[in-house]
C-alpha cells in the first residue's frame, strides 16, 4: 500500500461523486415518473444531471492523461470486453496504490472472495465477504453486466446459467474474472486476449 497522491485522491472523489449523482438522478426520475404536472421541470433537472455527469467524465479523462503512465494503463484495461472509462480508472487507481502479490489478494481486497458460513458438520452457503471498497464492487458488477452481453463473455455467462446459477451470481463470476484479468494485464504489461478467459472460476 502507498499513500494516495493528490491526483489519486481526486480520482477517488470524482468516481464517488459521480456514483452519487447517478443515484440522485435515478431517484428524481422515479419520483417524477407518472406526474405530468412535474414533467417539464423534471426533464430540465434531468438534463442538468446529464450535463454534470458529462463534465465529471471529462474531468476523469483529463486526470487520467495527467497522471504518469495512467493513460496507457487505462487503455490497456479498456481492452477487456465490458470495461469502460469508470471501471478502468478505478482499477488503475487501485493498482497504482496497492502492490498485490497475486490475483487472489486483489479479489480478497475488493471483497469479492466467497466466505464460508459453516458450523460443525453443516455446510452453509458461500457469500461474498464484501469487506473491500463498495464502489469498486459496483463498478466491476456493472462491467460484468456489460461483458455478459458481449460476444467474448456471453458463452461464459450462458455456461453458468445452464448450470443453474442465478443471473446475478453468473454476472458476479464474470466480474471476478475481469478483476483477475485486469491484474494480470497490469502486472505483465499486455493487452487483453480472449484466450485469457476460462470457464473455471
N, C-alpha and C. Protein backbone atom coordinates (compact mmCIF):
# COMPACT_ATOMS: atom_id res chain seq x y z
N UNK A 1 0.84 -1.20 0.00
CA UNK A 1 0.00 0.00 0.00
C UNK A 1 0.87 1.24 0.00
N UNK A 2 0.51 2.23 -0.81
CA UNK A 2 1.17 3.52 -0.82
C UNK A 2 0.13 4.61 -0.60
N UNK A 3 0.47 5.63 0.20
CA UNK A 3 -0.49 6.73 0.42
C UNK A 3 -0.92 7.34 -0.91
N UNK A 4 -2.15 7.75 -0.96
CA UNK A 4 -2.67 8.32 -2.21
C UNK A 4 -2.04 9.67 -2.51
N UNK A 5 -1.74 9.88 -3.77
CA UNK A 5 -1.26 11.18 -4.22
C UNK A 5 -2.48 12.11 -4.35
N UNK A 6 -2.27 13.41 -4.45
CA UNK A 6 -3.41 14.32 -4.64
C UNK A 6 -4.25 13.95 -5.87
N UNK A 7 -3.58 13.54 -6.95
CA UNK A 7 -4.30 13.15 -8.16
C UNK A 7 -5.15 11.90 -7.93
N UNK A 8 -4.60 10.94 -7.19
CA UNK A 8 -5.34 9.71 -6.91
C UNK A 8 -6.53 9.98 -6.01
N UNK A 9 -6.36 10.87 -5.03
CA UNK A 9 -7.48 11.23 -4.16
C UNK A 9 -8.57 11.93 -4.96
N UNK A 10 -8.16 12.79 -5.88
CA UNK A 10 -9.13 13.47 -6.73
C UNK A 10 -9.92 12.47 -7.57
N UNK A 11 -9.22 11.47 -8.10
CA UNK A 11 -9.90 10.44 -8.89
C UNK A 11 -10.92 9.69 -8.06
N UNK A 12 -10.55 9.31 -6.85
CA UNK A 12 -11.48 8.61 -5.96
C UNK A 12 -12.72 9.45 -5.70
N UNK A 13 -12.50 10.74 -5.43
CA UNK A 13 -13.62 11.63 -5.13
C UNK A 13 -14.53 11.81 -6.34
N UNK A 14 -13.93 11.95 -7.51
CA UNK A 14 -14.74 12.11 -8.73
C UNK A 14 -15.62 10.89 -8.97
N UNK A 15 -15.06 9.70 -8.80
CA UNK A 15 -15.83 8.48 -9.03
C UNK A 15 -16.95 8.33 -8.00
N UNK A 16 -16.67 8.67 -6.74
CA UNK A 16 -17.70 8.57 -5.70
C UNK A 16 -18.81 9.59 -5.93
N UNK A 17 -18.43 10.81 -6.28
CA UNK A 17 -19.43 11.84 -6.52
C UNK A 17 -20.27 11.52 -7.75
N UNK A 18 -19.63 10.96 -8.76
CA UNK A 18 -20.38 10.59 -9.95
C UNK A 18 -21.43 9.54 -9.62
N UNK A 19 -21.04 8.55 -8.81
CA UNK A 19 -21.98 7.49 -8.41
C UNK A 19 -23.16 8.08 -7.64
N UNK A 20 -22.88 9.06 -6.78
CA UNK A 20 -23.95 9.70 -6.00
C UNK A 20 -24.89 10.48 -6.90
N UNK A 21 -24.33 11.18 -7.88
CA UNK A 21 -25.16 11.96 -8.81
C UNK A 21 -26.05 11.04 -9.64
N UNK A 22 -25.51 9.90 -10.08
CA UNK A 22 -26.32 8.92 -10.82
C UNK A 22 -27.47 8.43 -9.96
N UNK A 23 -27.18 8.19 -8.67
CA UNK A 23 -28.23 7.73 -7.75
C UNK A 23 -29.31 8.79 -7.59
N UNK A 24 -28.91 10.06 -7.45
CA UNK A 24 -29.88 11.14 -7.30
C UNK A 24 -30.70 11.32 -8.57
N UNK A 25 -30.06 11.19 -9.72
CA UNK A 25 -30.76 11.32 -11.00
C UNK A 25 -31.82 10.23 -11.14
N UNK A 26 -31.45 9.02 -10.78
CA UNK A 26 -32.40 7.91 -10.85
C UNK A 26 -33.58 8.13 -9.91
N UNK A 27 -33.27 8.59 -8.69
CA UNK A 27 -34.33 8.85 -7.71
C UNK A 27 -35.28 9.93 -8.20
N UNK A 28 -34.72 10.98 -8.81
CA UNK A 28 -35.56 12.06 -9.34
C UNK A 28 -36.47 11.55 -10.46
N UNK A 29 -35.89 10.77 -11.36
CA UNK A 29 -36.68 10.25 -12.48
C UNK A 29 -37.82 9.37 -11.99
N UNK A 30 -37.55 8.50 -11.02
CA UNK A 30 -38.58 7.61 -10.49
C UNK A 30 -39.64 8.38 -9.71
N UNK A 31 -39.21 9.42 -8.99
CA UNK A 31 -40.15 10.22 -8.20
C UNK A 31 -41.14 10.98 -9.09
N UNK A 32 -40.63 11.50 -10.19
CA UNK A 32 -41.47 12.32 -11.07
C UNK A 32 -42.18 11.52 -12.15
N UNK A 33 -41.84 10.25 -12.25
CA UNK A 33 -42.48 9.41 -13.27
C UNK A 33 -43.97 9.28 -12.99
N UNK A 34 -44.76 9.53 -13.99
CA UNK A 34 -46.21 9.41 -13.84
C UNK A 34 -46.86 10.66 -13.28
N UNK A 35 -46.08 11.74 -13.16
CA UNK A 35 -46.64 13.01 -12.67
C UNK A 35 -46.52 14.05 -13.78
N UNK A 36 -47.52 14.17 -14.65
CA UNK A 36 -47.46 15.09 -15.80
C UNK A 36 -47.18 16.53 -15.42
N UNK A 37 -47.68 16.98 -14.26
CA UNK A 37 -47.50 18.37 -13.85
C UNK A 37 -46.04 18.69 -13.54
N UNK A 38 -45.25 17.66 -13.26
CA UNK A 38 -43.84 17.86 -12.92
C UNK A 38 -42.90 17.57 -14.08
N UNK A 39 -43.47 17.12 -15.17
CA UNK A 39 -42.65 16.59 -16.26
C UNK A 39 -41.68 17.63 -16.83
N UNK A 40 -42.16 18.85 -17.10
CA UNK A 40 -41.34 19.87 -17.75
C UNK A 40 -40.12 20.21 -16.90
N UNK A 41 -40.35 20.51 -15.63
CA UNK A 41 -39.24 20.87 -14.76
C UNK A 41 -38.34 19.67 -14.48
N UNK A 42 -38.94 18.49 -14.39
CA UNK A 42 -38.15 17.29 -14.14
C UNK A 42 -37.19 17.02 -15.29
N UNK A 43 -37.68 17.21 -16.51
CA UNK A 43 -36.83 16.99 -17.69
C UNK A 43 -35.64 17.94 -17.67
N UNK A 44 -35.88 19.20 -17.30
CA UNK A 44 -34.79 20.18 -17.23
C UNK A 44 -33.76 19.77 -16.18
N UNK A 45 -34.26 19.31 -15.04
CA UNK A 45 -33.34 18.88 -13.98
C UNK A 45 -32.54 17.65 -14.41
N UNK A 46 -33.21 16.72 -15.07
CA UNK A 46 -32.53 15.51 -15.53
C UNK A 46 -31.46 15.85 -16.57
N UNK A 47 -31.78 16.82 -17.43
CA UNK A 47 -30.79 17.26 -18.42
C UNK A 47 -29.58 17.89 -17.73
N UNK A 48 -29.83 18.62 -16.64
CA UNK A 48 -28.74 19.22 -15.88
C UNK A 48 -27.86 18.15 -15.26
N UNK A 49 -28.49 17.09 -14.75
CA UNK A 49 -27.74 15.97 -14.20
C UNK A 49 -26.87 15.33 -15.27
N UNK A 50 -27.45 15.17 -16.46
CA UNK A 50 -26.71 14.56 -17.57
C UNK A 50 -25.49 15.38 -17.94
N UNK A 51 -25.66 16.70 -18.00
CA UNK A 51 -24.54 17.59 -18.32
C UNK A 51 -23.46 17.52 -17.24
N UNK A 52 -23.89 17.44 -15.99
CA UNK A 52 -22.94 17.35 -14.89
C UNK A 52 -22.14 16.05 -14.96
N UNK A 53 -22.80 14.96 -15.32
CA UNK A 53 -22.12 13.67 -15.46
C UNK A 53 -21.10 13.72 -16.60
N UNK A 54 -21.47 14.39 -17.70
CA UNK A 54 -20.54 14.53 -18.81
C UNK A 54 -19.30 15.31 -18.39
N UNK A 55 -19.52 16.34 -17.58
CA UNK A 55 -18.40 17.15 -17.11
C UNK A 55 -17.47 16.33 -16.23
N UNK A 56 -18.04 15.50 -15.36
CA UNK A 56 -17.22 14.65 -14.50
C UNK A 56 -16.43 13.65 -15.33
N UNK A 57 -17.08 13.07 -16.35
CA UNK A 57 -16.38 12.13 -17.24
C UNK A 57 -15.20 12.81 -17.93
N UNK A 58 -15.39 14.06 -18.33
CA UNK A 58 -14.30 14.80 -18.95
C UNK A 58 -13.16 15.04 -17.97
N UNK A 59 -13.52 15.32 -16.71
CA UNK A 59 -12.51 15.52 -15.68
C UNK A 59 -11.72 14.23 -15.42
N UNK A 60 -12.44 13.11 -15.40
CA UNK A 60 -11.78 11.82 -15.19
C UNK A 60 -10.81 11.53 -16.34
N UNK A 61 -11.26 11.78 -17.57
CA UNK A 61 -10.40 11.57 -18.73
C UNK A 61 -9.17 12.45 -18.68
N UNK A 62 -9.36 13.71 -18.33
CA UNK A 62 -8.22 14.64 -18.24
C UNK A 62 -7.24 14.20 -17.16
N UNK A 63 -7.78 13.78 -16.02
CA UNK A 63 -6.92 13.36 -14.91
C UNK A 63 -6.11 12.12 -15.28
N UNK A 64 -6.73 11.21 -16.01
CA UNK A 64 -6.01 10.03 -16.46
C UNK A 64 -4.80 10.40 -17.32
N UNK A 65 -4.96 11.43 -18.13
CA UNK A 65 -3.88 11.85 -19.01
C UNK A 65 -2.78 12.57 -18.23
N UNK A 66 -3.16 13.20 -17.11
CA UNK A 66 -2.20 13.98 -16.33
C UNK A 66 -1.32 13.12 -15.42
N UNK A 67 -1.79 11.90 -15.07
CA UNK A 67 -1.03 11.03 -14.19
C UNK A 67 -0.05 10.21 -15.03
N UNK A 68 1.23 10.25 -14.70
CA UNK A 68 2.23 9.49 -15.47
C UNK A 68 1.85 8.02 -15.61
N UNK A 69 1.94 7.52 -16.81
CA UNK A 69 1.68 6.12 -17.17
C UNK A 69 0.21 5.71 -17.03
N UNK A 70 -0.64 6.61 -16.53
CA UNK A 70 -2.05 6.24 -16.31
C UNK A 70 -2.79 6.01 -17.62
N UNK A 71 -2.57 6.87 -18.59
CA UNK A 71 -3.30 6.76 -19.85
C UNK A 71 -3.08 5.39 -20.48
N UNK A 72 -1.86 4.90 -20.43
CA UNK A 72 -1.55 3.58 -21.00
C UNK A 72 -2.25 2.47 -20.23
N UNK A 73 -2.28 2.58 -18.91
CA UNK A 73 -2.95 1.57 -18.09
C UNK A 73 -4.45 1.53 -18.38
N UNK A 74 -5.05 2.71 -18.44
CA UNK A 74 -6.49 2.78 -18.68
C UNK A 74 -6.84 2.20 -20.05
N UNK A 75 -6.04 2.52 -21.04
CA UNK A 75 -6.27 1.98 -22.39
C UNK A 75 -6.15 0.45 -22.37
N UNK A 76 -5.16 -0.05 -21.66
CA UNK A 76 -4.95 -1.49 -21.58
C UNK A 76 -6.14 -2.17 -20.88
N UNK A 77 -6.62 -1.58 -19.82
CA UNK A 77 -7.74 -2.16 -19.08
C UNK A 77 -9.02 -2.12 -19.90
N UNK A 78 -9.19 -1.08 -20.71
CA UNK A 78 -10.39 -0.97 -21.53
C UNK A 78 -10.37 -1.95 -22.71
N UNK A 79 -9.26 -2.62 -22.91
CA UNK A 79 -9.22 -3.66 -23.93
C UNK A 79 -9.98 -4.91 -23.48
N UNK A 80 -10.31 -4.97 -22.17
CA UNK A 80 -11.14 -6.07 -21.65
C UNK A 80 -12.59 -5.80 -22.01
N UNK A 81 -13.23 -6.73 -22.68
CA UNK A 81 -14.63 -6.55 -23.05
C UNK A 81 -15.48 -6.32 -21.81
N UNK A 82 -16.24 -5.22 -21.81
CA UNK A 82 -17.10 -4.90 -20.68
C UNK A 82 -16.55 -3.78 -19.80
N UNK A 83 -15.27 -3.50 -19.89
CA UNK A 83 -14.65 -2.48 -19.05
C UNK A 83 -14.61 -1.14 -19.79
N UNK A 84 -15.17 -0.12 -19.16
CA UNK A 84 -15.19 1.20 -19.76
C UNK A 84 -14.35 2.20 -18.98
N UNK A 85 -14.63 3.47 -19.17
CA UNK A 85 -13.83 4.54 -18.56
C UNK A 85 -13.82 4.47 -17.05
N UNK A 86 -14.99 4.31 -16.43
CA UNK A 86 -15.08 4.39 -14.98
C UNK A 86 -14.39 3.22 -14.30
N UNK A 87 -14.68 2.01 -14.77
CA UNK A 87 -14.07 0.83 -14.16
C UNK A 87 -12.57 0.82 -14.37
N UNK A 88 -12.12 1.16 -15.56
CA UNK A 88 -10.68 1.17 -15.84
C UNK A 88 -9.97 2.23 -15.00
N UNK A 89 -10.61 3.37 -14.81
CA UNK A 89 -10.00 4.43 -14.00
C UNK A 89 -9.89 4.01 -12.54
N UNK A 90 -10.93 3.36 -12.04
CA UNK A 90 -10.89 2.89 -10.65
C UNK A 90 -9.83 1.81 -10.47
N UNK A 91 -9.77 0.87 -11.40
CA UNK A 91 -8.78 -0.21 -11.31
C UNK A 91 -7.36 0.34 -11.40
N UNK A 92 -7.12 1.25 -12.32
CA UNK A 92 -5.78 1.83 -12.47
C UNK A 92 -5.37 2.55 -11.20
N UNK A 93 -6.30 3.26 -10.60
CA UNK A 93 -6.03 3.95 -9.33
C UNK A 93 -5.67 2.95 -8.24
N UNK A 94 -6.40 1.85 -8.20
CA UNK A 94 -6.16 0.81 -7.19
C UNK A 94 -4.78 0.19 -7.37
N UNK A 95 -4.46 -0.20 -8.59
CA UNK A 95 -3.19 -0.88 -8.83
C UNK A 95 -1.99 0.05 -8.66
N UNK A 96 -2.21 1.36 -8.80
CA UNK A 96 -1.14 2.32 -8.55
C UNK A 96 -0.80 2.38 -7.05
N UNK A 97 -1.81 2.22 -6.23
CA UNK A 97 -1.64 2.43 -4.79
C UNK A 97 -1.29 1.15 -4.03
N UNK A 98 -1.82 0.02 -4.46
CA UNK A 98 -1.63 -1.22 -3.71
C UNK A 98 -0.87 -2.23 -4.57
N UNK A 99 0.24 -2.73 -4.07
CA UNK A 99 1.05 -3.72 -4.79
C UNK A 99 0.61 -5.12 -4.35
N UNK A 100 -0.24 -5.73 -5.12
CA UNK A 100 -0.78 -7.05 -4.78
C UNK A 100 0.20 -8.15 -5.17
N UNK A 101 0.24 -9.20 -4.35
CA UNK A 101 1.11 -10.34 -4.63
C UNK A 101 0.58 -11.17 -5.78
N UNK A 102 -0.75 -11.41 -5.78
CA UNK A 102 -1.37 -12.23 -6.82
C UNK A 102 -2.83 -11.82 -6.97
N UNK A 103 -3.52 -12.47 -7.90
CA UNK A 103 -4.91 -12.11 -8.18
C UNK A 103 -5.84 -12.48 -7.02
N UNK A 104 -5.48 -13.52 -6.26
CA UNK A 104 -6.30 -13.87 -5.09
C UNK A 104 -6.33 -12.72 -4.09
N UNK A 105 -5.17 -12.06 -3.92
CA UNK A 105 -5.09 -10.94 -3.00
C UNK A 105 -5.95 -9.78 -3.46
N UNK A 106 -6.01 -9.56 -4.78
CA UNK A 106 -6.84 -8.49 -5.33
C UNK A 106 -8.32 -8.80 -5.06
N UNK A 107 -8.72 -10.03 -5.34
CA UNK A 107 -10.12 -10.44 -5.15
C UNK A 107 -10.52 -10.27 -3.68
N UNK A 108 -9.64 -10.66 -2.77
CA UNK A 108 -9.94 -10.55 -1.35
C UNK A 108 -10.01 -9.08 -0.92
N UNK A 109 -9.10 -8.26 -1.44
CA UNK A 109 -9.08 -6.83 -1.09
C UNK A 109 -10.37 -6.14 -1.51
N UNK A 110 -10.85 -6.49 -2.68
CA UNK A 110 -12.07 -5.85 -3.20
C UNK A 110 -13.33 -6.42 -2.55
N UNK A 111 -13.18 -7.55 -1.84
CA UNK A 111 -14.33 -8.14 -1.15
C UNK A 111 -15.18 -9.02 -2.03
N UNK A 112 -14.57 -9.59 -3.09
CA UNK A 112 -15.30 -10.46 -4.00
C UNK A 112 -14.92 -11.92 -3.79
N UNK A 113 -14.32 -12.22 -2.65
CA UNK A 113 -13.94 -13.59 -2.33
C UNK A 113 -15.08 -14.27 -1.57
N UNK A 114 -15.43 -15.51 -1.93
CA UNK A 114 -16.50 -16.22 -1.23
C UNK A 114 -16.04 -16.65 0.15
N UNK A 115 -16.87 -16.41 1.16
CA UNK A 115 -16.56 -16.79 2.53
C UNK A 115 -17.52 -17.87 3.00
N UNK A 116 -17.01 -18.89 3.73
CA UNK A 116 -17.88 -19.97 4.21
C UNK A 116 -18.75 -19.52 5.37
N UNK A 117 -19.86 -20.20 5.51
CA UNK A 117 -20.75 -19.99 6.65
C UNK A 117 -21.10 -21.37 7.21
N UNK A 118 -20.06 -22.03 7.76
CA UNK A 118 -20.20 -23.40 8.23
C UNK A 118 -20.28 -23.45 9.75
N UNK A 119 -20.89 -24.49 10.25
CA UNK A 119 -20.99 -24.71 11.68
C UNK A 119 -21.02 -26.21 11.94
N UNK A 120 -19.95 -26.73 12.57
CA UNK A 120 -19.88 -28.17 12.80
C UNK A 120 -19.85 -28.92 11.49
N UNK A 121 -20.81 -29.84 11.33
CA UNK A 121 -20.89 -30.61 10.09
C UNK A 121 -21.78 -29.94 9.05
N UNK A 122 -22.37 -28.83 9.42
CA UNK A 122 -23.24 -28.12 8.49
C UNK A 122 -22.42 -27.26 7.55
N UNK A 123 -22.68 -27.38 6.27
CA UNK A 123 -22.01 -26.56 5.26
C UNK A 123 -23.00 -25.52 4.74
N UNK A 124 -22.77 -24.27 5.11
CA UNK A 124 -23.68 -23.20 4.71
C UNK A 124 -23.35 -22.64 3.34
N UNK A 125 -24.15 -21.68 2.93
CA UNK A 125 -23.94 -21.06 1.63
C UNK A 125 -22.70 -20.18 1.65
N UNK A 126 -22.03 -20.10 0.51
CA UNK A 126 -20.89 -19.21 0.35
C UNK A 126 -21.39 -17.85 -0.10
N UNK A 127 -20.93 -16.82 0.58
CA UNK A 127 -21.32 -15.46 0.24
C UNK A 127 -20.07 -14.60 0.09
N UNK A 128 -20.21 -13.52 -0.66
CA UNK A 128 -19.08 -12.61 -0.81
C UNK A 128 -18.76 -11.95 0.52
N UNK A 129 -17.48 -11.77 0.78
CA UNK A 129 -17.09 -11.14 2.05
C UNK A 129 -17.50 -9.68 2.10
N UNK A 130 -17.47 -8.99 0.96
CA UNK A 130 -17.87 -7.58 0.85
C UNK A 130 -17.11 -6.71 1.86
N UNK A 131 -15.84 -7.02 2.08
CA UNK A 131 -15.05 -6.25 3.04
C UNK A 131 -14.23 -5.16 2.39
N UNK A 132 -14.28 -5.08 1.09
CA UNK A 132 -13.47 -4.08 0.40
C UNK A 132 -14.29 -2.87 -0.01
N UNK A 133 -13.78 -2.10 -0.95
CA UNK A 133 -14.45 -0.88 -1.40
C UNK A 133 -15.74 -1.18 -2.17
N UNK A 134 -16.85 -0.70 -1.64
CA UNK A 134 -18.16 -0.97 -2.25
C UNK A 134 -18.26 -0.39 -3.66
N UNK A 135 -17.68 0.79 -3.86
CA UNK A 135 -17.77 1.41 -5.18
C UNK A 135 -17.05 0.57 -6.23
N UNK A 136 -15.94 -0.02 -5.85
CA UNK A 136 -15.22 -0.89 -6.77
C UNK A 136 -16.03 -2.10 -7.16
N UNK A 137 -16.70 -2.71 -6.19
CA UNK A 137 -17.55 -3.88 -6.50
C UNK A 137 -18.70 -3.48 -7.40
N UNK A 138 -19.26 -2.30 -7.16
CA UNK A 138 -20.38 -1.84 -8.00
C UNK A 138 -19.92 -1.65 -9.45
N UNK A 139 -18.77 -1.02 -9.62
CA UNK A 139 -18.25 -0.79 -10.97
C UNK A 139 -17.93 -2.11 -11.67
N UNK A 140 -17.34 -3.04 -10.93
CA UNK A 140 -16.99 -4.33 -11.52
C UNK A 140 -18.25 -5.13 -11.87
N UNK A 141 -19.27 -5.03 -11.03
CA UNK A 141 -20.53 -5.72 -11.35
C UNK A 141 -21.15 -5.14 -12.61
N UNK A 142 -21.12 -3.81 -12.73
CA UNK A 142 -21.64 -3.18 -13.95
C UNK A 142 -20.84 -3.63 -15.18
N UNK A 143 -19.52 -3.75 -14.99
CA UNK A 143 -18.67 -4.24 -16.08
C UNK A 143 -19.05 -5.67 -16.43
N UNK A 144 -19.36 -6.46 -15.41
CA UNK A 144 -19.79 -7.84 -15.64
C UNK A 144 -21.08 -7.91 -16.42
N UNK A 145 -22.03 -7.02 -16.11
CA UNK A 145 -23.30 -6.99 -16.84
C UNK A 145 -23.08 -6.65 -18.31
N UNK A 146 -22.22 -5.65 -18.55
CA UNK A 146 -21.92 -5.27 -19.94
C UNK A 146 -21.20 -6.40 -20.66
N UNK A 147 -20.27 -7.05 -19.95
CA UNK A 147 -19.49 -8.13 -20.56
C UNK A 147 -20.36 -9.32 -20.93
N UNK A 148 -21.35 -9.62 -20.08
CA UNK A 148 -22.21 -10.79 -20.32
C UNK A 148 -22.97 -10.68 -21.64
N UNK A 149 -23.11 -9.46 -22.16
CA UNK A 149 -23.82 -9.25 -23.42
C UNK A 149 -22.87 -9.24 -24.62
N UNK A 150 -21.57 -9.31 -24.35
CA UNK A 150 -20.59 -9.25 -25.42
C UNK A 150 -20.34 -10.63 -26.02
N UNK A 151 -19.81 -10.64 -27.23
CA UNK A 151 -19.52 -11.90 -27.92
C UNK A 151 -18.46 -12.70 -27.17
N UNK A 152 -17.54 -12.00 -26.50
CA UNK A 152 -16.44 -12.66 -25.80
C UNK A 152 -16.91 -13.38 -24.54
N UNK A 153 -17.77 -12.70 -23.76
CA UNK A 153 -18.15 -13.22 -22.45
C UNK A 153 -19.48 -13.96 -22.44
N UNK A 154 -20.30 -13.78 -23.46
CA UNK A 154 -21.63 -14.42 -23.47
C UNK A 154 -21.58 -15.93 -23.26
N UNK A 155 -20.64 -16.67 -23.88
CA UNK A 155 -20.58 -18.12 -23.63
C UNK A 155 -20.31 -18.47 -22.17
N UNK A 156 -19.49 -17.64 -21.50
CA UNK A 156 -19.20 -17.88 -20.08
C UNK A 156 -20.47 -17.67 -19.26
N UNK A 157 -21.19 -16.59 -19.56
CA UNK A 157 -22.44 -16.30 -18.84
C UNK A 157 -23.44 -17.42 -19.04
N UNK A 158 -23.62 -17.87 -20.29
CA UNK A 158 -24.58 -18.93 -20.58
C UNK A 158 -24.18 -20.24 -19.92
N UNK A 159 -22.89 -20.49 -19.82
CA UNK A 159 -22.41 -21.71 -19.17
C UNK A 159 -22.89 -21.78 -17.72
N UNK A 160 -22.71 -20.71 -16.98
CA UNK A 160 -23.10 -20.72 -15.57
C UNK A 160 -24.62 -20.68 -15.39
N UNK A 161 -25.31 -20.05 -16.33
CA UNK A 161 -26.77 -20.05 -16.25
C UNK A 161 -27.31 -21.46 -16.49
N UNK A 162 -26.69 -22.19 -17.42
CA UNK A 162 -27.12 -23.56 -17.69
C UNK A 162 -26.81 -24.50 -16.52
N UNK A 163 -25.83 -24.14 -15.72
CA UNK A 163 -25.52 -24.92 -14.52
C UNK A 163 -26.49 -24.64 -13.38
N UNK A 164 -27.36 -23.66 -13.60
CA UNK A 164 -28.36 -23.34 -12.58
C UNK A 164 -28.03 -22.14 -11.72
N UNK A 165 -26.95 -21.44 -12.04
CA UNK A 165 -26.60 -20.25 -11.26
C UNK A 165 -27.58 -19.13 -11.58
N UNK A 166 -28.00 -18.35 -10.57
CA UNK A 166 -28.84 -17.17 -10.84
C UNK A 166 -28.06 -16.17 -11.70
N UNK A 167 -28.78 -15.30 -12.38
CA UNK A 167 -28.13 -14.34 -13.27
C UNK A 167 -27.16 -13.44 -12.51
N UNK A 168 -27.56 -13.01 -11.30
CA UNK A 168 -26.68 -12.15 -10.51
C UNK A 168 -25.37 -12.85 -10.18
N UNK A 169 -25.46 -14.11 -9.78
CA UNK A 169 -24.25 -14.87 -9.44
C UNK A 169 -23.37 -15.08 -10.66
N UNK A 170 -23.99 -15.35 -11.82
CA UNK A 170 -23.21 -15.54 -13.05
C UNK A 170 -22.48 -14.26 -13.44
N UNK A 171 -23.15 -13.12 -13.27
CA UNK A 171 -22.52 -11.84 -13.58
C UNK A 171 -21.38 -11.56 -12.61
N UNK A 172 -21.59 -11.90 -11.34
CA UNK A 172 -20.53 -11.68 -10.35
C UNK A 172 -19.31 -12.55 -10.64
N UNK A 173 -19.53 -13.75 -11.14
CA UNK A 173 -18.40 -14.62 -11.52
C UNK A 173 -17.60 -13.96 -12.64
N UNK A 174 -18.31 -13.41 -13.62
CA UNK A 174 -17.63 -12.71 -14.72
C UNK A 174 -16.89 -11.49 -14.19
N UNK A 175 -17.51 -10.75 -13.28
CA UNK A 175 -16.87 -9.57 -12.70
C UNK A 175 -15.56 -9.95 -11.99
N UNK A 176 -15.60 -11.08 -11.29
CA UNK A 176 -14.38 -11.53 -10.59
C UNK A 176 -13.31 -11.94 -11.59
N UNK A 177 -13.72 -12.57 -12.70
CA UNK A 177 -12.76 -12.93 -13.74
C UNK A 177 -12.15 -11.68 -14.36
N UNK A 178 -12.97 -10.67 -14.57
CA UNK A 178 -12.47 -9.41 -15.12
C UNK A 178 -11.42 -8.81 -14.20
N UNK A 179 -11.67 -8.86 -12.89
CA UNK A 179 -10.73 -8.33 -11.92
C UNK A 179 -9.40 -9.07 -11.98
N UNK A 180 -9.47 -10.39 -12.06
CA UNK A 180 -8.23 -11.19 -12.15
C UNK A 180 -7.46 -10.87 -13.44
N UNK A 181 -8.18 -10.77 -14.54
CA UNK A 181 -7.54 -10.48 -15.82
C UNK A 181 -6.92 -9.08 -15.80
N UNK A 182 -7.63 -8.13 -15.19
CA UNK A 182 -7.11 -6.77 -15.09
C UNK A 182 -5.78 -6.75 -14.35
N UNK A 183 -5.71 -7.50 -13.26
CA UNK A 183 -4.46 -7.59 -12.51
C UNK A 183 -3.34 -8.16 -13.38
N UNK A 184 -3.67 -9.20 -14.14
CA UNK A 184 -2.68 -9.85 -15.00
C UNK A 184 -2.17 -8.90 -16.08
N UNK A 185 -3.08 -8.12 -16.67
CA UNK A 185 -2.69 -7.19 -17.73
C UNK A 185 -1.73 -6.13 -17.21
N UNK A 186 -2.06 -5.57 -16.05
CA UNK A 186 -1.22 -4.51 -15.49
C UNK A 186 0.13 -5.08 -15.03
N UNK A 187 0.09 -6.26 -14.42
CA UNK A 187 1.33 -6.86 -13.93
C UNK A 187 2.29 -7.21 -15.07
N UNK A 188 1.73 -7.73 -16.16
CA UNK A 188 2.58 -8.19 -17.26
C UNK A 188 2.72 -7.19 -18.40
N UNK A 189 1.98 -6.09 -18.32
CA UNK A 189 2.09 -5.07 -19.35
C UNK A 189 1.62 -5.53 -20.72
N UNK A 190 0.51 -6.28 -20.76
CA UNK A 190 -0.02 -6.78 -22.03
C UNK A 190 -1.47 -6.36 -22.18
N UNK A 191 -1.99 -6.43 -23.40
CA UNK A 191 -3.39 -6.13 -23.66
C UNK A 191 -4.24 -7.40 -23.52
N UNK A 192 -5.52 -7.19 -23.49
CA UNK A 192 -6.46 -8.30 -23.29
C UNK A 192 -6.45 -9.25 -24.47
N UNK A 193 -6.50 -10.54 -24.15
CA UNK A 193 -6.61 -11.59 -25.14
C UNK A 193 -7.73 -12.51 -24.68
N UNK A 194 -8.67 -12.79 -25.57
CA UNK A 194 -9.82 -13.62 -25.19
C UNK A 194 -9.42 -15.01 -24.70
N UNK A 195 -8.20 -15.45 -25.04
CA UNK A 195 -7.73 -16.75 -24.58
C UNK A 195 -7.46 -16.76 -23.08
N UNK A 196 -7.42 -15.55 -22.47
CA UNK A 196 -7.23 -15.46 -21.03
C UNK A 196 -8.48 -15.91 -20.27
N UNK A 197 -9.60 -15.98 -20.98
CA UNK A 197 -10.86 -16.35 -20.35
C UNK A 197 -10.97 -17.85 -20.24
N UNK A 198 -11.33 -18.31 -19.06
CA UNK A 198 -11.58 -19.75 -18.85
C UNK A 198 -12.89 -19.91 -18.10
N UNK A 199 -13.48 -21.07 -18.21
CA UNK A 199 -14.75 -21.32 -17.53
C UNK A 199 -14.54 -21.44 -16.02
N UNK A 200 -13.38 -21.96 -15.62
CA UNK A 200 -13.11 -22.14 -14.20
C UNK A 200 -13.13 -20.80 -13.50
N UNK A 201 -13.65 -20.80 -12.27
CA UNK A 201 -13.74 -19.53 -11.52
C UNK A 201 -12.39 -19.20 -10.97
